[in-house]
Amino acid sequence: RYPKGEWILGYNWDESTWTEKRFITSKDLDPISKDHPIMVTRVCGHLVSVNSLGLKKL
């Protein structure tokens, strides 16, 4: 477990391999955790998505 408030990071997501071909949004990430900022980076490294808490922390 991560201490409350610690960033959760994810890497290499690629929407082109998914049935629903769309980018990850805060609406996808917010239900995962309200206690942790979350940031996920697309496979290209040029796009990141964050949850609402992560956006407040940036």
PDB file of N, CA and C in Angstrom:
ATOM      1  N   ARG A   1       0.837  -1.201   0.000  1.00  0.00           N
ATOM      2  CA  ARG A   1       0.000   0.000   0.000  1.00  0.00           C
ATOM      3  C   ARG A   1       0.871   1.250   0.000  1.00  0.00           C
ATOM      4  N   TYR A   2       0.349   2.264  -0.616  1.00  0.00           N
ATOM      5  CA  TYR A   2       1.030   3.548  -0.649  1.00  0.00           C
ATOM      6  C   TYR A   2       0.486   4.429   0.464  1.00  0.00           C
ATOM      7  N   PRO A   3       1.336   5.237   1.082  1.00  0.00           N
ATOM      8  CA  PRO A   3       0.832   6.190   2.076  1.00  0.00           C
ATOM      9  C   PRO A   3      -0.135   7.181   1.412  1.00  0.00           C
ATOM     10  N   LYS A   4      -1.138   7.598   2.160  1.00  0.00           N
ATOM     11  CA  LYS A   4      -2.130   8.553   1.652  1.00  0.00           C
ATOM     12  C   LYS A   4      -1.420   9.781   1.089  1.00  0.00           C
ATOM     13  N   GLY A   5      -1.841  10.219  -0.076  1.00  0.00           N
ATOM     14  CA  GLY A   5      -1.285  11.402  -0.711  1.00  0.00           C
ATOM     15  C   GLY A   5      -0.115  11.130  -1.636  1.00  0.00           C
ATOM     16  N   GLU A   6       0.415   9.910  -1.630  1.00  0.00           N
ATOM     17  CA  GLU A   6       1.538   9.583  -2.509  1.00  0.00           C
ATOM     18  C   GLU A   6       1.030   9.344  -3.929  1.00  0.00           C
ATOM     19  N   TRP A   7       1.804   9.814  -4.902  1.00  0.00           N
ATOM     20  CA  TRP A   7       1.430   9.662  -6.297  1.00  0.00           C
ATOM     21  C   TRP A   7       1.426   8.195  -6.711  1.00  0.00           C
ATOM     22  N   ILE A   8       0.423   7.828  -7.498  1.00  0.00           N
ATOM     23  CA  ILE A   8       0.362   6.531  -8.159  1.00  0.00           C
ATOM     24  C   ILE A   8       0.635   6.802  -9.642  1.00  0.00           C
ATOM     25  N   LEU A   9       1.629   6.121 -10.197  1.00  0.00           N
ATOM     26  CA  LEU A   9       2.043   6.360 -11.579  1.00  0.00           C
ATOM     27  C   LEU A   9       1.814   5.116 -12.425  1.00  0.00           C
ATOM     28  N   GLY A  10       1.373   5.330 -13.654  1.00  0.00           N
ATOM     29  CA  GLY A  10       1.205   4.243 -14.610  1.00  0.00           C
ATOM     30  C   GLY A  10       1.843   4.643 -15.934  1.00  0.00           C
ATOM     31  N   TYR A  11       2.293   3.657 -16.680  1.00  0.00           N
ATOM     32  CA  TYR A  11       3.028   3.926 -17.914  1.00  0.00           C
ATOM     33  C   TYR A  11       2.552   3.035 -19.055  1.00  0.00           C
ATOM     34  N   ASN A  12       2.751   3.542 -20.279  1.00  0.00           N
ATOM     35  CA  ASN A  12       2.623   2.762 -21.518  1.00  0.00           C
ATOM     36  C   ASN A  12       1.210   2.331 -21.889  1.00  0.00           C
ATOM     37  N   TRP A  13       0.200   3.111 -21.521  1.00  0.00           N
ATOM     38  CA  TRP A  13      -1.128   2.754 -22.002  1.00  0.00           C
ATOM     39  C   TRP A  13      -1.231   3.127 -23.483  1.00  0.00           C
ATOM     40  N   ASP A  14      -1.998   2.352 -24.214  1.00  0.00           N
ATOM     41  CA  ASP A  14      -2.125   2.545 -25.660  1.00  0.00           C
ATOM     42  C   ASP A  14      -3.566   2.253 -26.071  1.00  0.00           C
ATOM     43  N   GLU A  15      -4.316   3.311 -26.253  1.00  0.00           N
ATOM     44  CA  GLU A  15      -5.746   3.175 -26.554  1.00  0.00           C
ATOM     45  C   GLU A  15      -5.994   2.484 -27.886  1.00  0.00           C
ATOM     46  N   SER A  16      -5.006   2.475 -28.779  1.00  0.00           N
ATOM     47  CA  SER A  16      -5.211   1.845 -30.092  1.00  0.00           C
ATOM     48  C   SER A  16      -5.359   0.323 -29.981  1.00  0.00           C
ATOM     49  N   THR A  17      -4.993  -0.244 -28.842  1.00  0.00           N
ATOM     50  CA  THR A  17      -5.127  -1.693 -28.636  1.00  0.00           C
ATOM     51  C   THR A  17      -6.415  -2.057 -27.901  1.00  0.00           C
ATOM     52  N   TRP A  18      -7.209  -1.053 -27.528  1.00  0.00           N
ATOM     53  CA  TRP A  18      -8.430  -1.286 -26.762  1.00  0.00           C
ATOM     54  C   TRP A  18      -9.647  -1.311 -27.681  1.00  0.00           C
ATOM     55  N   THR A  19     -10.700  -1.985 -27.247  1.00  0.00           N
ATOM     56  CA  THR A  19     -11.953  -2.006 -27.998  1.00  0.00           C
ATOM     57  C   THR A  19     -12.510  -0.591 -28.128  1.00  0.00           C
ATOM     58  N   GLU A  20     -12.564   0.126 -27.026  1.00  0.00           N
ATOM     59  CA  GLU A  20     -13.029   1.517 -27.023  1.00  0.00           C
ATOM     60  C   GLU A  20     -11.802   2.408 -27.202  1.00  0.00           C
ATOM     61  N   LYS A  21     -11.554   2.857 -28.407  1.00  0.00           N
ATOM     62  CA  LYS A  21     -10.335   3.597 -28.732  1.00  0.00           C
ATOM     63  C   LYS A  21     -10.478   5.068 -28.339  1.00  0.00           C
ATOM     64  N   ARG A  22     -10.126   5.363 -27.074  1.00  0.00           N
ATOM     65  CA  ARG A  22     -10.203   6.738 -26.584  1.00  0.00           C
ATOM     66  C   ARG A  22      -9.146   6.932 -25.509  1.00  0.00           C
ATOM     67  N   PHE A  23      -8.798   8.188 -25.284  1.00  0.00           N
ATOM     68  CA  PHE A  23      -7.810   8.509 -24.258  1.00  0.00           C
ATOM     69  C   PHE A  23      -8.397   8.334 -22.864  1.00  0.00           C
ATOM     70  N   ILE A  24      -7.527   8.111 -21.894  1.00  0.00           N
ATOM     71  CA  ILE A  24      -7.926   8.046 -20.488  1.00  0.00           C
ATOM     72  C   ILE A  24      -8.196   9.472 -20.005  1.00  0.00           C
ATOM     73  N   THR A  25      -9.237   9.658 -19.226  1.00  0.00           N
ATOM     74  CA  THR A  25      -9.567  10.972 -18.679  1.00  0.00           C
ATOM     75  C   THR A  25      -9.629  10.903 -17.153  1.00  0.00           C
ATOM     76  N   SER A  26      -9.784  12.063 -16.548  1.00  0.00           N
ATOM     77  CA  SER A  26      -9.929  12.098 -15.087  1.00  0.00           C
ATOM     78  C   SER A  26     -11.178  11.334 -14.644  1.00  0.00           C
ATOM     79  N   LYS A  27     -12.189  11.291 -15.490  1.00  0.00           N
ATOM     80  CA  LYS A  27     -13.404  10.531 -15.146  1.00  0.00           C
ATOM     81  C   LYS A  27     -13.109   9.037 -15.013  1.00  0.00           C
ATOM     82  N   ASP A  28     -12.123   8.555 -15.738  1.00  0.00           N
ATOM     83  CA  ASP A  28     -11.708   7.153 -15.614  1.00  0.00           C
ATOM     84  C   ASP A  28     -10.873   6.934 -14.359  1.00  0.00           C
ATOM     85  N   LEU A  29     -10.044   7.912 -14.018  1.00  0.00           N
ATOM     86  CA  LEU A  29      -9.094   7.760 -12.913  1.00  0.00           C
ATOM     87  C   LEU A  29      -9.678   8.124 -11.551  1.00  0.00           C
ATOM     88  N   ASP A  30     -10.614   9.048 -11.497  1.00  0.00           N
ATOM     89  CA  ASP A  30     -11.166   9.495 -10.206  1.00  0.00           C
ATOM     90  C   ASP A  30     -11.754   8.364  -9.359  1.00  0.00           C
ATOM     91  N   PRO A  31     -12.490   7.410  -9.929  1.00  0.00           N
ATOM     92  CA  PRO A  31     -13.046   6.336  -9.090  1.00  0.00           C
ATOM     93  C   PRO A  31     -11.989   5.394  -8.496  1.00  0.00           C
ATOM     94  N   ILE A  32     -10.789   5.395  -9.038  1.00  0.00           N
ATOM     95  CA  ILE A  32      -9.743   4.493  -8.553  1.00  0.00           C
ATOM     96  C   ILE A  32      -9.292   4.880  -7.156  1.00  0.00           C
ATOM     97  N   SER A  33      -9.095   6.191  -6.927  1.00  0.00           N
ATOM     98  CA  SER A  33      -8.675   6.636  -5.592  1.00  0.00           C
ATOM     99  C   SER A  33      -8.969   8.108  -5.400  1.00  0.00           C
ATOM    100  N   LYS A  34      -9.489   8.432  -4.236  1.00  0.00           N
ATOM    101  CA  LYS A  34      -9.678   9.830  -3.850  1.00  0.00           C
ATOM    102  C   LYS A  34      -8.580  10.275  -2.892  1.00  0.00           C
ATOM    103  N   ASP A  35      -7.754   9.326  -2.433  1.00  0.00           N
ATOM    104  CA  ASP A  35      -6.684   9.624  -1.481  1.00  0.00           C
ATOM    105  C   ASP A  35      -5.318   9.788  -2.129  1.00  0.00           C
ATOM    106  N   HIS A  36      -5.222   9.451  -3.418  1.00  0.00           N
ATOM    107  CA  HIS A  36      -3.936   9.510  -4.103  1.00  0.00           C
ATOM    108  C   HIS A  36      -4.064  10.269  -5.414  1.00  0.00           C
ATOM    109  N   PRO A  37      -3.111  11.155  -5.705  1.00  0.00           N
ATOM    110  CA  PRO A  37      -3.049  11.693  -7.057  1.00  0.00           C
ATOM    111  C   PRO A  37      -2.570  10.576  -7.986  1.00  0.00           C
ATOM    112  N   ILE A  38      -3.144  10.503  -9.167  1.00  0.00           N
ATOM    113  CA  ILE A  38      -2.804   9.463 -10.137  1.00  0.00           C
ATOM    114  C   ILE A  38      -2.393  10.126 -11.447  1.00  0.00           C
ATOM    115  N   MET A  39      -1.295   9.635 -12.028  1.00  0.00           N
ATOM    116  CA  MET A  39      -0.859  10.103 -13.340  1.00  0.00           C
ATOM    117  C   MET A  39      -0.467   8.892 -14.174  1.00  0.00           C
ATOM    118  N   VAL A  40      -1.016   8.810 -15.385  1.00  0.00           N
ATOM    119  CA  VAL A  40      -0.683   7.724 -16.300  1.00  0.00           C
ATOM    120  C   VAL A  40      -0.158   8.327 -17.603  1.00  0.00           C
ATOM    121  N   THR A  41       0.885   7.718 -18.134  1.00  0.00           N
ATOM    122  CA  THR A  41       1.559   8.221 -19.325  1.00  0.00           C
ATOM    123  C   THR A  41       1.298   7.295 -20.507  1.00  0.00           C
ATOM    124  N   ARG A  42       0.926   7.888 -21.628  1.00  0.00           N
ATOM    125  CA  ARG A  42       0.681   7.114 -22.846  1.00  0.00           C
ATOM    126  C   ARG A  42       1.992   6.518 -23.349  1.00  0.00           C
ATOM    127  N   VAL A  43       1.901   5.474 -24.155  1.00  0.00           N
ATOM    128  CA  VAL A  43       3.063   4.750 -24.661  1.00  0.00           C
ATOM    129  C   VAL A  43       4.060   5.671 -25.383  1.00  0.00           C
ATOM    130  N   CYS A  44       3.598   6.723 -26.035  1.00  0.00           N
ATOM    131  CA  CYS A  44       4.483   7.642 -26.757  1.00  0.00           C
ATOM    132  C   CYS A  44       5.255   8.567 -25.822  1.00  0.00           C
ATOM    133  N   GLY A  45       4.760   8.727 -24.603  1.00  0.00           N
ATOM    134  CA  GLY A  45       5.406   9.626 -23.651  1.00  0.00           C
ATOM    135  C   GLY A  45       5.035  11.092 -23.822  1.00  0.00           C
ATOM    136  N   HIS A  46       4.206  11.404 -24.815  1.00  0.00           N
ATOM    137  CA  HIS A  46       3.836  12.794 -25.085  1.00  0.00           C
ATOM    138  C   HIS A  46       2.505  13.206 -24.472  1.00  0.00           C
ATOM    139  N   LEU A  47       1.821  12.271 -23.845  1.00  0.00           N
ATOM    140  CA  LEU A  47       0.514  12.570 -23.272  1.00  0.00           C
ATOM    141  C   LEU A  47       0.394  11.903 -21.911  1.00  0.00           C
ATOM    142  N   VAL A  48      -0.076  12.675 -20.945  1.00  0.00           N
ATOM    143  CA  VAL A  48      -0.369  12.110 -19.626  1.00  0.00           C
ATOM    144  C   VAL A  48      -1.799  12.459 -19.253  1.00  0.00           C
ATOM    145  N   SER A  49      -2.397  11.624 -18.430  1.00  0.00           N
ATOM    146  CA  SER A  49      -3.716  11.888 -17.865  1.00  0.00           C
ATOM    147  C   SER A  49      -3.591  11.815 -16.355  1.00  0.00           C
ATOM    148  N   VAL A  50      -4.331  12.680 -15.673  1.00  0.00           N
ATOM    149  CA  VAL A  50      -4.298  12.701 -14.212  1.00  0.00           C
ATOM    150  C   VAL A  50      -5.719  12.697 -13.676  1.00  0.00           C
ATOM    151  N   ASN A  51      -5.862  12.247 -12.425  1.00  0.00           N
ATOM    152  CA  ASN A  51      -7.166  12.344 -11.777  1.00  0.00           C
ATOM    153  C   ASN A  51      -7.336  13.766 -11.234  1.00  0.00           C
ATOM    154  N   SER A  52      -8.492  14.063 -10.678  1.00  0.00           N
ATOM    155  CA  SER A  52      -8.776  15.421 -10.197  1.00  0.00           C
ATOM    156  C   SER A  52      -7.818  15.850  -9.098  1.00  0.00           C
ATOM    157  N   LEU A  53      -7.491  14.940  -8.180  1.00  0.00           N
ATOM    158  CA  LEU A  53      -6.547  15.275  -7.115  1.00  0.00           C
ATOM    159  C   LEU A  53      -5.169  15.565  -7.699  1.00  0.00           C
ATOM    160  N   GLY A  54      -4.757  14.792  -8.681  1.00  0.00           N
ATOM    161  CA  GLY A  54      -3.472  15.035  -9.338  1.00  0.00           C
ATOM    162  C   GLY A  54      -3.431  16.394 -10.003  1.00  0.00           C
ATOM    163  N   LEU A  55      -4.526  16.797 -10.627  1.00  0.00           N
ATOM    164  CA  LEU A  55      -4.587  18.106 -11.274  1.00  0.00           C
ATOM    165  C   LEU A  55      -4.439  19.224 -10.255  1.00  0.00           C
ATOM    166  N   LYS A  56      -5.044  19.072  -9.087  1.00  0.00           N
ATOM    167  CA  LYS A  56      -4.919  20.075  -8.024  1.00  0.00           C
ATOM    168  C   LYS A  56      -3.492  20.176  -7.515  1.00  0.00           C
ATOM    169  N   LYS A  57      -2.761  19.041  -7.523  1.00  0.00           N
ATOM    170  CA  LYS A  57      -1.396  19.016  -6.998  1.00  0.00           C
ATOM    171  C   LYS A  57      -0.370  19.584  -7.972  1.00  0.00           C
ATOM    172  N   LEU A  58      -0.711  19.626  -9.263  1.00  0.00           N
ATOM    173  CA  LEU A  58       0.244  20.121 -10.264  1.00  0.00           C
ATOM    174  C   LEU A  58       0.379  21.618 -10.239  1.00  0.00           C
TER     175      LEU A  58
END
